[in-house]
Amino acid sequence: MDIGILVFPDVEELDFAGPWEAFGVWSRDFPDDGVGLRLIADTREPVRCHKGLRVLPDVAREEVDALDLVLVPGGLGSRPLMRRTDLHAWLRGLAESGTLVTSVCTGALVLGAAGLLDGRRATTHWGALDTLRAISPAITVVDDERFVDEGSVVTAAGISAGIDMALHLIARLHSPERAQAVRREMEYDPAPPV
């Protein structure tokens, strides 16, 4: 299972770090499952995230031609990506080759701009639902679910919803028991304390 998470300037940290944690626990604690996890960016140069965290990508996007799962996070940096036709073509190529395409928060805007949400239900951060609706009338925007699984495309609502989606994907791709073991190791309780 080869998982790639896209990072870019002004990416929202928890959008990618939450799923990274879930997939990383899966990879580390269950090595026989064969899960590999990489951060992907335009180049291998450090990327400064929205709140200042700097991350070092594992691989440049042009070096990646196949993945089992790709995740596009959101944040303010996702807005310029809505105009990046080179990125859209790369994502469409992955989708056409059978890659499971996922997003967290406003990463859905990028998938929508690439045409990957047409004819599908999708969600995003509550503050960007109208922006997602404006991209295409062919997108059925869902505003009351943490994540929406449409088979080959899965979108998550804002920020922490990406953790819920990642656990769902582990259950889907392996088993509910594996997802429960990962959730327990993370000490993640999806019920908010307040």
C-alpha atoms as a PDB file:
ATOM      1  CA  MET A   1       0.000   0.000   0.000  1.00  0.00           C
ATOM      2  CA  ASP A   2       1.775   3.122  -1.247  1.00  0.00           C
ATOM      3  CA  ILE A   3       0.258   6.280   0.277  1.00  0.00           C
ATOM      4  CA  GLY A   4       1.258   9.775  -0.807  1.00  0.00           C
ATOM      5  CA  ILE A   5       0.276  12.968   0.975  1.00  0.00           C
ATOM      6  CA  LEU A   6       0.677  16.221  -0.942  1.00  0.00           C
ATOM      7  CA  VAL A   7       2.147  19.236   0.859  1.00  0.00           C
ATOM      8  CA  PHE A   8       2.474  22.782  -0.450  1.00  0.00           C
ATOM      9  CA  PRO A   9       3.103  26.303   0.879  1.00  0.00           C
ATOM     10  CA  ASP A  10       0.431  27.377   3.380  1.00  0.00           C
ATOM     11  CA  VAL A  11      -0.977  23.854   3.756  1.00  0.00           C
ATOM     12  CA  GLU A  12      -2.981  23.440   6.972  1.00  0.00           C
ATOM     13  CA  GLU A  13      -0.813  21.366   9.318  1.00  0.00           C
ATOM     14  CA  LEU A  14      -3.441  19.095  10.853  1.00  0.00           C
ATOM     15  CA  ASP A  15      -5.021  18.443   7.446  1.00  0.00           C
ATOM     16  CA  PHE A  16      -2.032  16.291   6.543  1.00  0.00           C
ATOM     17  CA  ALA A  17      -0.471  15.535   9.948  1.00  0.00           C
ATOM     18  CA  GLY A  18      -3.657  13.927  11.336  1.00  0.00           C
ATOM     19  CA  PRO A  19      -3.963  11.394   8.512  1.00  0.00           C
ATOM     20  CA  TRP A  20      -0.155  11.011   8.502  1.00  0.00           C
ATOM     21  CA  GLU A  21      -0.345   9.960  12.166  1.00  0.00           C
ATOM     22  CA  ALA A  22      -3.057   7.370  11.508  1.00  0.00           C
ATOM     23  CA  PHE A  23      -1.384   5.943   8.401  1.00  0.00           C
ATOM     24  CA  GLY A  24       2.005   6.159  10.135  1.00  0.00           C
ATOM     25  CA  VAL A  25       0.823   4.137  13.126  1.00  0.00           C
ATOM     26  CA  TRP A  26      -0.616   1.585  10.697  1.00  0.00           C
ATOM     27  CA  SER A  27       2.699   1.397   8.848  1.00  0.00           C
ATOM     28  CA  ARG A  28       4.920   1.286  11.959  1.00  0.00           C
ATOM     29  CA  ASP A  29       2.875  -0.990  14.204  1.00  0.00           C
ATOM     30  CA  PHE A  30       1.800  -3.441  11.501  1.00  0.00           C
ATOM     31  CA  PRO A  31       4.810  -3.768   9.177  1.00  0.00           C
ATOM     32  CA  ASP A  32       3.483  -6.983   7.641  1.00  0.00           C
ATOM     33  CA  ASP A  33       0.644  -4.935   6.108  1.00  0.00           C
ATOM     34  CA  GLY A  34       3.216  -3.366   3.772  1.00  0.00           C
ATOM     35  CA  VAL A  35       2.124   0.257   4.112  1.00  0.00           C
ATOM     36  CA  GLY A  36       4.473   2.921   2.786  1.00  0.00           C
ATOM     37  CA  LEU A  37       3.902   6.607   3.401  1.00  0.00           C
ATOM     38  CA  ARG A  38       5.491   9.607   1.662  1.00  0.00           C
ATOM     39  CA  LEU A  39       5.151  13.381   1.668  1.00  0.00           C
ATOM     40  CA  ILE A  40       4.997  14.696  -1.899  1.00  0.00           C
ATOM     41  CA  ALA A  41       5.581  18.280  -3.040  1.00  0.00           C
ATOM     42  CA  ASP A  42       6.491  20.138  -6.211  1.00  0.00           C
ATOM     43  CA  THR A  43      10.155  19.838  -5.192  1.00  0.00           C
ATOM     44  CA  ARG A  44      12.144  18.257  -2.372  1.00  0.00           C
ATOM     45  CA  GLU A  45      12.743  21.694  -0.857  1.00  0.00           C
ATOM     46  CA  PRO A  46      11.290  22.412   2.617  1.00  0.00           C
ATOM     47  CA  VAL A  47       7.650  23.514   2.657  1.00  0.00           C
ATOM     48  CA  ARG A  48       6.418  26.154   5.112  1.00  0.00           C
ATOM     49  CA  CYS A  49       2.925  25.323   6.351  1.00  0.00           C
ATOM     50  CA  HIS A  50       0.174  27.788   7.287  1.00  0.00           C
ATOM     51  CA  LYS A  51       1.179  28.199  10.934  1.00  0.00           C
ATOM     52  CA  GLY A  52       4.905  28.144  10.295  1.00  0.00           C
ATOM     53  CA  LEU A  53       5.788  24.462  10.609  1.00  0.00           C
ATOM     54  CA  ARG A  54       8.407  23.484   8.034  1.00  0.00           C
ATOM     55  CA  VAL A  55       8.333  19.992   6.560  1.00  0.00           C
ATOM     56  CA  LEU A  56      10.729  18.204   4.255  1.00  0.00           C
ATOM     57  CA  PRO A  57       9.026  16.294   1.424  1.00  0.00           C
ATOM     58  CA  ASP A  58      10.211  12.757   0.700  1.00  0.00           C
ATOM     59  CA  VAL A  59       9.776  13.057  -3.040  1.00  0.00           C
ATOM     60  CA  ALA A  60       9.014  15.567  -5.786  1.00  0.00           C
ATOM     61  CA  ARG A  61       5.701  15.137  -7.568  1.00  0.00           C
ATOM     62  CA  GLU A  62       7.348  14.526 -10.953  1.00  0.00           C
ATOM     63  CA  GLU A  63       9.052  11.473  -9.435  1.00  0.00           C
ATOM     64  CA  VAL A  64       5.716   9.846  -8.552  1.00  0.00           C
ATOM     65  CA  ASP A  65       3.807   8.053 -11.281  1.00  0.00           C
ATOM     66  CA  ALA A  66       1.824   5.532  -9.227  1.00  0.00           C
ATOM     67  CA  LEU A  67       0.199   5.443  -5.796  1.00  0.00           C
ATOM     68  CA  ASP A  68      -2.481   3.343  -4.151  1.00  0.00           C
ATOM     69  CA  LEU A  69      -3.825   6.374  -2.285  1.00  0.00           C
ATOM     70  CA  VAL A  70      -3.181  10.106  -2.634  1.00  0.00           C
ATOM     71  CA  LEU A  71      -4.341  12.692  -0.123  1.00  0.00           C
ATOM     72  CA  VAL A  72      -4.730  16.396  -0.941  1.00  0.00           C
ATOM     73  CA  PRO A  73      -4.983  18.486   2.234  1.00  0.00           C
ATOM     74  CA  GLY A  74      -6.316  22.021   2.435  1.00  0.00           C
ATOM     75  CA  GLY A  75      -5.469  25.347   3.958  1.00  0.00           C
ATOM     76  CA  LEU A  76      -4.985  28.771   2.397  1.00  0.00           C
ATOM     77  CA  GLY A  77      -2.413  27.295   0.045  1.00  0.00           C
ATOM     78  CA  SER A  78      -5.074  25.183  -1.638  1.00  0.00           C
ATOM     79  CA  ARG A  79      -6.566  28.235  -3.383  1.00  0.00           C
ATOM     80  CA  PRO A  80      -3.643  28.718  -5.819  1.00  0.00           C
ATOM     81  CA  LEU A  81      -3.747  24.964  -6.510  1.00  0.00           C
ATOM     82  CA  MET A  82      -7.253  25.397  -7.907  1.00  0.00           C
ATOM     83  CA  ARG A  83      -5.590  27.046 -10.932  1.00  0.00           C
ATOM     84  CA  ARG A  84      -2.747  24.528 -11.300  1.00  0.00           C
ATOM     85  CA  THR A  85      -3.677  22.572 -14.422  1.00  0.00           C
ATOM     86  CA  ASP A  86      -0.415  20.596 -14.208  1.00  0.00           C
ATOM     87  CA  LEU A  87      -1.409  19.340 -10.759  1.00  0.00           C
ATOM     88  CA  HIS A  88      -4.956  18.617 -11.956  1.00  0.00           C
ATOM     89  CA  ALA A  89      -3.611  16.506 -14.832  1.00  0.00           C
ATOM     90  CA  TRP A  90      -1.365  14.588 -12.421  1.00  0.00           C
ATOM     91  CA  LEU A  91      -4.287  13.882 -10.074  1.00  0.00           C
ATOM     92  CA  ARG A  92      -6.539  12.829 -12.967  1.00  0.00           C
ATOM     93  CA  GLY A  93      -3.798  10.519 -14.244  1.00  0.00           C
ATOM     94  CA  LEU A  94      -3.505   8.886 -10.834  1.00  0.00           C
ATOM     95  CA  ALA A  95      -7.296   8.502 -10.630  1.00  0.00           C
ATOM     96  CA  GLU A  96      -7.441   6.966 -14.094  1.00  0.00           C
ATOM     97  CA  SER A  97      -4.798   4.420 -13.080  1.00  0.00           C
ATOM     98  CA  GLY A  98      -6.851   3.324 -10.064  1.00  0.00           C
ATOM     99  CA  THR A  99      -5.410   5.474  -7.276  1.00  0.00           C
ATOM    100  CA  LEU A 100      -7.838   6.182  -4.456  1.00  0.00           C
ATOM    101  CA  VAL A 101      -8.046  10.002  -4.417  1.00  0.00           C
ATOM    102  CA  THR A 102      -8.800  11.666  -1.079  1.00  0.00           C
ATOM    103  CA  SER A 103      -8.896  15.160   0.366  1.00  0.00           C
ATOM    104  CA  VAL A 104      -9.151  16.911   3.690  1.00  0.00           C
ATOM    105  CA  CYS A 105     -10.767  20.308   4.161  1.00  0.00           C
ATOM    106  CA  THR A 106     -10.286  22.634   1.182  1.00  0.00           C
ATOM    107  CA  GLY A 107      -8.243  20.013  -0.621  1.00  0.00           C
ATOM    108  CA  ALA A 108     -11.692  19.179  -2.014  1.00  0.00           C
ATOM    109  CA  LEU A 109     -11.593  22.485  -3.906  1.00  0.00           C
ATOM    110  CA  VAL A 110      -8.519  21.235  -5.756  1.00  0.00           C
ATOM    111  CA  LEU A 111     -10.220  17.927  -6.573  1.00  0.00           C
ATOM    112  CA  GLY A 112     -13.291  19.847  -7.732  1.00  0.00           C
ATOM    113  CA  ALA A 113     -11.227  22.132  -9.952  1.00  0.00           C
ATOM    114  CA  ALA A 114      -9.584  19.036 -11.450  1.00  0.00           C
ATOM    115  CA  GLY A 115     -13.031  17.653 -12.336  1.00  0.00           C
ATOM    116  CA  LEU A 116     -12.663  14.688  -9.993  1.00  0.00           C
ATOM    117  CA  LEU A 117     -15.815  15.469  -7.992  1.00  0.00           C
ATOM    118  CA  ASP A 118     -18.250  15.847 -10.895  1.00  0.00           C
ATOM    119  CA  GLY A 119     -21.149  13.447 -10.473  1.00  0.00           C
ATOM    120  CA  ARG A 120     -20.157  12.708  -6.882  1.00  0.00           C
ATOM    121  CA  ARG A 121     -21.094  13.706  -3.353  1.00  0.00           C
ATOM    122  CA  ALA A 122     -18.313  15.614  -1.560  1.00  0.00           C
ATOM    123  CA  THR A 123     -17.619  17.718   1.493  1.00  0.00           C
ATOM    124  CA  THR A 124     -15.108  20.273   2.730  1.00  0.00           C
ATOM    125  CA  HIS A 125     -14.590  22.704   5.602  1.00  0.00           C
ATOM    126  CA  TRP A 126     -17.865  24.414   6.541  1.00  0.00           C
ATOM    127  CA  GLY A 127     -16.426  27.789   5.560  1.00  0.00           C
ATOM    128  CA  ALA A 128     -15.735  26.595   2.000  1.00  0.00           C
ATOM    129  CA  LEU A 129     -18.954  24.722   1.193  1.00  0.00           C
ATOM    130  CA  ASP A 130     -20.265  27.540  -1.018  1.00  0.00           C
ATOM    131  CA  THR A 131     -16.914  27.763  -2.818  1.00  0.00           C
ATOM    132  CA  LEU A 132     -17.131  24.038  -3.551  1.00  0.00           C
ATOM    133  CA  ARG A 133     -20.695  24.468  -4.816  1.00  0.00           C
ATOM    134  CA  ALA A 134     -19.540  27.268  -7.118  1.00  0.00           C
ATOM    135  CA  ILE A 135     -16.892  25.099  -8.787  1.00  0.00           C
ATOM    136  CA  SER A 136     -19.405  22.888 -10.573  1.00  0.00           C
ATOM    137  CA  PRO A 137     -23.137  22.191 -10.422  1.00  0.00           C
ATOM    138  CA  ALA A 138     -22.204  18.548 -11.040  1.00  0.00           C
ATOM    139  CA  ILE A 139     -20.856  18.267  -7.465  1.00  0.00           C
ATOM    140  CA  THR A 140     -23.380  17.315  -4.786  1.00  0.00           C
ATOM    141  CA  VAL A 141     -22.057  19.157  -1.742  1.00  0.00           C
ATOM    142  CA  VAL A 142     -22.688  17.485   1.614  1.00  0.00           C
ATOM    143  CA  ASP A 143     -22.569  19.786   4.627  1.00  0.00           C
ATOM    144  CA  ASP A 144     -23.408  17.494   7.541  1.00  0.00           C
ATOM    145  CA  GLU A 145     -20.931  14.590   7.375  1.00  0.00           C
ATOM    146  CA  ARG A 146     -17.337  14.313   8.622  1.00  0.00           C
ATOM    147  CA  PHE A 147     -16.320  12.502   5.449  1.00  0.00           C
ATOM    148  CA  VAL A 148     -17.969  11.267   2.268  1.00  0.00           C
ATOM    149  CA  ASP A 149     -16.856   7.982   0.672  1.00  0.00           C
ATOM    150  CA  GLU A 150     -17.741   7.808  -3.018  1.00  0.00           C
ATOM    151  CA  GLY A 151     -15.686   4.717  -3.776  1.00  0.00           C
ATOM    152  CA  SER A 152     -12.738   5.990  -5.808  1.00  0.00           C
ATOM    153  CA  VAL A 153     -12.862   9.461  -4.215  1.00  0.00           C
ATOM    154  CA  VAL A 154     -13.181  10.237  -0.501  1.00  0.00           C
ATOM    155  CA  THR A 155     -13.445  13.775   0.891  1.00  0.00           C
ATOM    156  CA  ALA A 156     -13.280  14.899   4.504  1.00  0.00           C
ATOM    157  CA  ALA A 157     -14.665  18.039   6.096  1.00  0.00           C
ATOM    158  CA  GLY A 158     -12.401  20.460   7.913  1.00  0.00           C
ATOM    159  CA  ILE A 159      -9.071  19.774   9.543  1.00  0.00           C
ATOM    160  CA  SER A 160      -9.593  17.128  12.273  1.00  0.00           C
ATOM    161  CA  ALA A 161     -12.141  15.270  10.125  1.00  0.00           C
ATOM    162  CA  GLY A 162      -9.135  13.991   8.200  1.00  0.00           C
ATOM    163  CA  ILE A 163      -8.305  11.718  11.139  1.00  0.00           C
ATOM    164  CA  ASP A 164     -11.794  10.209  10.995  1.00  0.00           C
ATOM    165  CA  MET A 165     -11.411   9.698   7.245  1.00  0.00           C
ATOM    166  CA  ALA A 166      -7.985   8.079   7.629  1.00  0.00           C
ATOM    167  CA  LEU A 167      -9.320   5.610  10.199  1.00  0.00           C
ATOM    168  CA  HIS A 168     -12.262   4.875   7.904  1.00  0.00           C
ATOM    169  CA  LEU A 169      -9.831   4.218   5.060  1.00  0.00           C
ATOM    170  CA  ILE A 170      -7.752   1.856   7.190  1.00  0.00           C
ATOM    171  CA  ALA A 171     -10.950  -0.050   8.010  1.00  0.00           C
ATOM    172  CA  ARG A 172     -11.927  -0.087   4.348  1.00  0.00           C
ATOM    173  CA  LEU A 173      -8.503  -1.058   2.994  1.00  0.00           C
ATOM    174  CA  HIS A 174      -7.632  -3.560   5.728  1.00  0.00           C
ATOM    175  CA  SER A 175     -10.232  -4.183   8.435  1.00  0.00           C
ATOM    176  CA  PRO A 176     -12.263  -2.488  11.171  1.00  0.00           C
ATOM    177  CA  GLU A 177     -10.085  -4.312  13.699  1.00  0.00           C
ATOM    178  CA  ARG A 178      -6.932  -2.744  12.265  1.00  0.00           C
ATOM    179  CA  ALA A 179      -8.517   0.706  12.338  1.00  0.00           C
ATOM    180  CA  GLN A 180      -9.579   0.177  15.954  1.00  0.00           C
ATOM    181  CA  ALA A 181      -6.037  -0.859  16.893  1.00  0.00           C
ATOM    182  CA  VAL A 182      -4.628   2.270  15.238  1.00  0.00           C
ATOM    183  CA  ARG A 183      -7.217   4.484  16.936  1.00  0.00           C
ATOM    184  CA  ARG A 184      -6.382   2.934  20.319  1.00  0.00           C
ATOM    185  CA  GLU A 185      -2.644   3.463  19.816  1.00  0.00           C
ATOM    186  CA  MET A 186      -3.310   7.105  18.905  1.00  0.00           C
ATOM    187  CA  GLU A 187      -5.592   7.457  21.957  1.00  0.00           C
ATOM    188  CA  TYR A 188      -7.983   9.173  19.606  1.00  0.00           C
ATOM    189  CA  ASP A 189     -11.511   9.642  20.884  1.00  0.00           C
ATOM    190  CA  PRO A 190     -13.722  11.212  18.228  1.00  0.00           C
ATOM    191  CA  ALA A 191     -16.260  12.359  20.818  1.00  0.00           C
ATOM    192  CA  PRO A 192     -15.430  16.007  21.607  1.00  0.00           C
ATOM    193  CA  PRO A 193     -14.928  16.820  25.294  1.00  0.00           C
ATOM    194  CA  VAL A 194     -16.932  20.057  25.103  1.00  0.00           C
END
